[in-house]
Amino acid sequence: MERDGADVVGMTGMPEAALARELGLDYAALAVSANFAAGRGDSAHAVALERIEAVLAQAMGRVRRIIEQLVAG
């Protein structure tokens, strides 16, 4: 995918976006990259679950703040 110009490859989003469009619903995605560069560099053979959990724990605080601001706005 890198050869095609991709910087990030996600594992979800398409089914939800397609269904939302079908139903005429607005749709936005807020994504967290918990395993950036999976399969490359030091993650070529395995990624420690603890590393992914740490990234998710940190990111979820930011996600909550973004959602709170959107709801309040």
N, C-alpha and C. Protein backbone atom coordinates (compact mmCIF):
# COMPACT_ATOMS: atom_id res chain seq x y z
N MET A 1 0.82 -1.18 0.00
CA MET A 1 0.00 0.00 0.00
C MET A 1 0.87 1.26 0.00
N GLU A 2 2.06 1.15 0.58
CA GLU A 2 2.96 2.29 0.59
C GLU A 2 3.30 2.70 -0.85
N ARG A 3 3.47 1.72 -1.72
CA ARG A 3 3.77 2.03 -3.13
C ARG A 3 2.64 2.82 -3.78
N ASP A 4 1.42 2.63 -3.27
CA ASP A 4 0.27 3.35 -3.82
C ASP A 4 0.08 4.71 -3.17
N GLY A 5 0.96 5.08 -2.25
CA GLY A 5 0.90 6.40 -1.63
C GLY A 5 0.19 6.45 -0.29
N ALA A 6 -0.16 5.28 0.26
CA ALA A 6 -0.86 5.27 1.54
C ALA A 6 0.09 5.58 2.69
N ASP A 7 -0.37 6.42 3.60
CA ASP A 7 0.37 6.71 4.82
C ASP A 7 -0.17 5.92 6.00
N VAL A 8 -1.50 5.70 6.00
CA VAL A 8 -2.16 4.98 7.08
C VAL A 8 -3.17 4.04 6.45
N VAL A 9 -3.24 2.83 6.97
CA VAL A 9 -4.22 1.86 6.51
C VAL A 9 -5.06 1.46 7.71
N GLY A 10 -6.35 1.68 7.61
CA GLY A 10 -7.24 1.38 8.72
C GLY A 10 -7.89 0.02 8.57
N MET A 11 -8.44 -0.45 9.68
CA MET A 11 -9.09 -1.75 9.67
C MET A 11 -10.61 -1.64 9.76
N THR A 12 -11.14 -0.43 9.82
CA THR A 12 -12.58 -0.26 9.92
C THR A 12 -12.97 1.08 9.31
N GLY A 13 -14.24 1.30 9.18
CA GLY A 13 -14.73 2.57 8.66
C GLY A 13 -15.56 2.43 7.43
N MET A 14 -15.14 1.63 6.51
CA MET A 14 -15.86 1.53 5.24
C MET A 14 -17.29 1.02 5.39
N PRO A 15 -17.53 -0.08 6.10
CA PRO A 15 -18.92 -0.54 6.21
C PRO A 15 -19.82 0.51 6.84
N GLU A 16 -19.32 1.18 7.89
CA GLU A 16 -20.11 2.19 8.57
C GLU A 16 -20.39 3.38 7.66
N ALA A 17 -19.38 3.82 6.94
CA ALA A 17 -19.55 4.97 6.05
C ALA A 17 -20.54 4.65 4.94
N ALA A 18 -20.44 3.46 4.38
CA ALA A 18 -21.36 3.08 3.30
C ALA A 18 -22.80 2.99 3.80
N LEU A 19 -22.99 2.41 4.97
CA LEU A 19 -24.34 2.30 5.53
C LEU A 19 -24.90 3.68 5.89
N ALA A 20 -24.08 4.54 6.44
CA ALA A 20 -24.53 5.89 6.77
C ALA A 20 -24.96 6.63 5.51
N ARG A 21 -24.20 6.50 4.45
CA ARG A 21 -24.57 7.16 3.19
C ARG A 21 -25.90 6.62 2.67
N GLU A 22 -26.07 5.30 2.74
CA GLU A 22 -27.32 4.69 2.29
C GLU A 22 -28.52 5.24 3.04
N LEU A 23 -28.33 5.49 4.34
CA LEU A 23 -29.41 5.98 5.18
C LEU A 23 -29.52 7.51 5.19
N GLY A 24 -28.61 8.18 4.50
CA GLY A 24 -28.61 9.64 4.46
C GLY A 24 -28.14 10.27 5.76
N LEU A 25 -27.34 9.55 6.53
CA LEU A 25 -26.84 10.05 7.81
C LEU A 25 -25.47 10.69 7.63
N ASP A 26 -25.23 11.75 8.40
CA ASP A 26 -23.89 12.32 8.44
C ASP A 26 -22.98 11.33 9.15
N TYR A 27 -21.72 11.28 8.73
CA TYR A 27 -20.78 10.32 9.30
C TYR A 27 -19.41 10.96 9.37
N ALA A 28 -18.75 10.79 10.50
CA ALA A 28 -17.38 11.23 10.66
C ALA A 28 -16.63 10.17 11.45
N ALA A 29 -15.36 10.05 11.20
CA ALA A 29 -14.55 9.06 11.91
C ALA A 29 -13.44 9.76 12.67
N LEU A 30 -13.18 9.28 13.84
CA LEU A 30 -12.07 9.75 14.65
C LEU A 30 -11.22 8.51 14.92
N ALA A 31 -10.04 8.46 14.33
CA ALA A 31 -9.24 7.24 14.37
C ALA A 31 -8.01 7.41 15.26
N VAL A 32 -7.60 6.31 15.86
CA VAL A 32 -6.39 6.26 16.67
C VAL A 32 -5.47 5.21 16.05
N SER A 33 -4.25 5.58 15.77
CA SER A 33 -3.26 4.63 15.27
C SER A 33 -2.54 4.03 16.46
N ALA A 34 -2.96 2.83 16.84
CA ALA A 34 -2.38 2.18 18.02
C ALA A 34 -1.18 1.31 17.68
N ASN A 35 -1.03 0.96 16.41
CA ASN A 35 0.05 0.08 16.00
C ASN A 35 0.62 0.63 14.70
N PHE A 36 1.17 1.83 14.77
CA PHE A 36 1.70 2.49 13.59
C PHE A 36 2.87 1.67 13.02
N ALA A 37 2.86 1.46 11.75
CA ALA A 37 3.91 0.72 11.04
C ALA A 37 3.95 -0.75 11.42
N ALA A 38 2.79 -1.33 11.61
CA ALA A 38 2.73 -2.76 11.93
C ALA A 38 3.46 -3.56 10.86
N GLY A 39 4.27 -4.48 11.32
CA GLY A 39 5.01 -5.31 10.39
C GLY A 39 6.28 -4.70 9.86
N ARG A 40 6.62 -3.52 10.35
CA ARG A 40 7.84 -2.84 9.90
C ARG A 40 8.71 -2.53 11.11
N GLY A 41 9.97 -2.36 10.89
CA GLY A 41 10.90 -1.99 11.97
C GLY A 41 10.85 -2.97 13.12
N ASP A 42 10.76 -2.44 14.35
CA ASP A 42 10.77 -3.32 15.52
C ASP A 42 9.48 -4.09 15.70
N SER A 43 8.48 -3.80 14.87
CA SER A 43 7.23 -4.57 14.95
C SER A 43 7.12 -5.61 13.85
N ALA A 44 8.24 -5.92 13.21
CA ALA A 44 8.23 -6.85 12.07
C ALA A 44 7.73 -8.24 12.45
N HIS A 45 8.00 -8.68 13.66
CA HIS A 45 7.60 -10.04 14.05
C HIS A 45 6.45 -10.05 15.04
N ALA A 46 6.40 -9.05 15.90
CA ALA A 46 5.33 -9.00 16.90
C ALA A 46 5.30 -7.61 17.52
N VAL A 47 4.15 -7.25 18.03
CA VAL A 47 3.99 -5.99 18.75
C VAL A 47 3.50 -6.35 20.14
N ALA A 48 4.20 -5.85 21.14
CA ALA A 48 3.82 -6.14 22.52
C ALA A 48 2.46 -5.53 22.83
N LEU A 49 1.57 -6.33 23.35
CA LEU A 49 0.23 -5.86 23.69
C LEU A 49 0.29 -4.68 24.65
N GLU A 50 1.27 -4.66 25.51
CA GLU A 50 1.43 -3.56 26.47
C GLU A 50 1.66 -2.23 25.75
N ARG A 51 2.40 -2.27 24.65
CA ARG A 51 2.65 -1.03 23.88
C ARG A 51 1.36 -0.53 23.26
N ILE A 52 0.57 -1.43 22.71
CA ILE A 52 -0.70 -1.03 22.10
C ILE A 52 -1.63 -0.48 23.17
N GLU A 53 -1.70 -1.15 24.31
CA GLU A 53 -2.56 -0.69 25.40
C GLU A 53 -2.14 0.70 25.89
N ALA A 54 -0.85 0.95 25.97
CA ALA A 54 -0.36 2.26 26.43
C ALA A 54 -0.75 3.36 25.45
N VAL A 55 -0.60 3.10 24.17
CA VAL A 55 -0.98 4.09 23.15
C VAL A 55 -2.48 4.35 23.22
N LEU A 56 -3.28 3.30 23.33
CA LEU A 56 -4.72 3.46 23.40
C LEU A 56 -5.15 4.23 24.65
N ALA A 57 -4.54 3.93 25.78
CA ALA A 57 -4.89 4.63 27.02
C ALA A 57 -4.62 6.13 26.88
N GLN A 58 -3.49 6.48 26.32
CA GLN A 58 -3.14 7.89 26.13
C GLN A 58 -4.07 8.54 25.11
N ALA A 59 -4.32 7.87 24.02
CA ALA A 59 -5.14 8.44 22.95
C ALA A 59 -6.59 8.60 23.36
N MET A 60 -7.12 7.69 24.15
CA MET A 60 -8.53 7.76 24.51
C MET A 60 -8.84 9.01 25.33
N GLY A 61 -7.90 9.49 26.10
CA GLY A 61 -8.09 10.76 26.81
C GLY A 61 -8.28 11.90 25.82
N ARG A 62 -7.48 11.92 24.78
CA ARG A 62 -7.62 12.96 23.75
C ARG A 62 -8.93 12.80 22.99
N VAL A 63 -9.30 11.56 22.69
CA VAL A 63 -10.55 11.31 21.98
C VAL A 63 -11.73 11.82 22.81
N ARG A 64 -11.73 11.52 24.09
CA ARG A 64 -12.82 11.98 24.96
C ARG A 64 -12.92 13.50 24.96
N ARG A 65 -11.79 14.18 25.05
CA ARG A 65 -11.80 15.65 25.05
C ARG A 65 -12.34 16.21 23.74
N ILE A 66 -11.98 15.60 22.63
CA ILE A 66 -12.49 16.05 21.33
C ILE A 66 -13.99 15.87 21.27
N ILE A 67 -14.47 14.72 21.69
CA ILE A 67 -15.92 14.46 21.66
C ILE A 67 -16.66 15.41 22.59
N GLU A 68 -16.11 15.64 23.79
CA GLU A 68 -16.74 16.57 24.73
C GLU A 68 -16.85 17.96 24.13
N GLN A 69 -15.81 18.42 23.44
CA GLN A 69 -15.84 19.74 22.80
C GLN A 69 -16.86 19.79 21.67
N LEU A 70 -16.97 18.72 20.91
CA LEU A 70 -17.96 18.68 19.82
C LEU A 70 -19.38 18.72 20.36
N VAL A 71 -19.62 17.96 21.42
CA VAL A 71 -20.97 17.91 22.02
C VAL A 71 -21.31 19.26 22.66
N ALA A 72 -20.34 19.87 23.31
CA ALA A 72 -20.59 21.15 23.98
C ALA A 72 -20.76 22.30 22.99
N GLY A 73 -20.11 22.17 21.82
CA GLY A 73 -20.08 23.25 20.84
C GLY A 73 -21.35 23.43 20.15
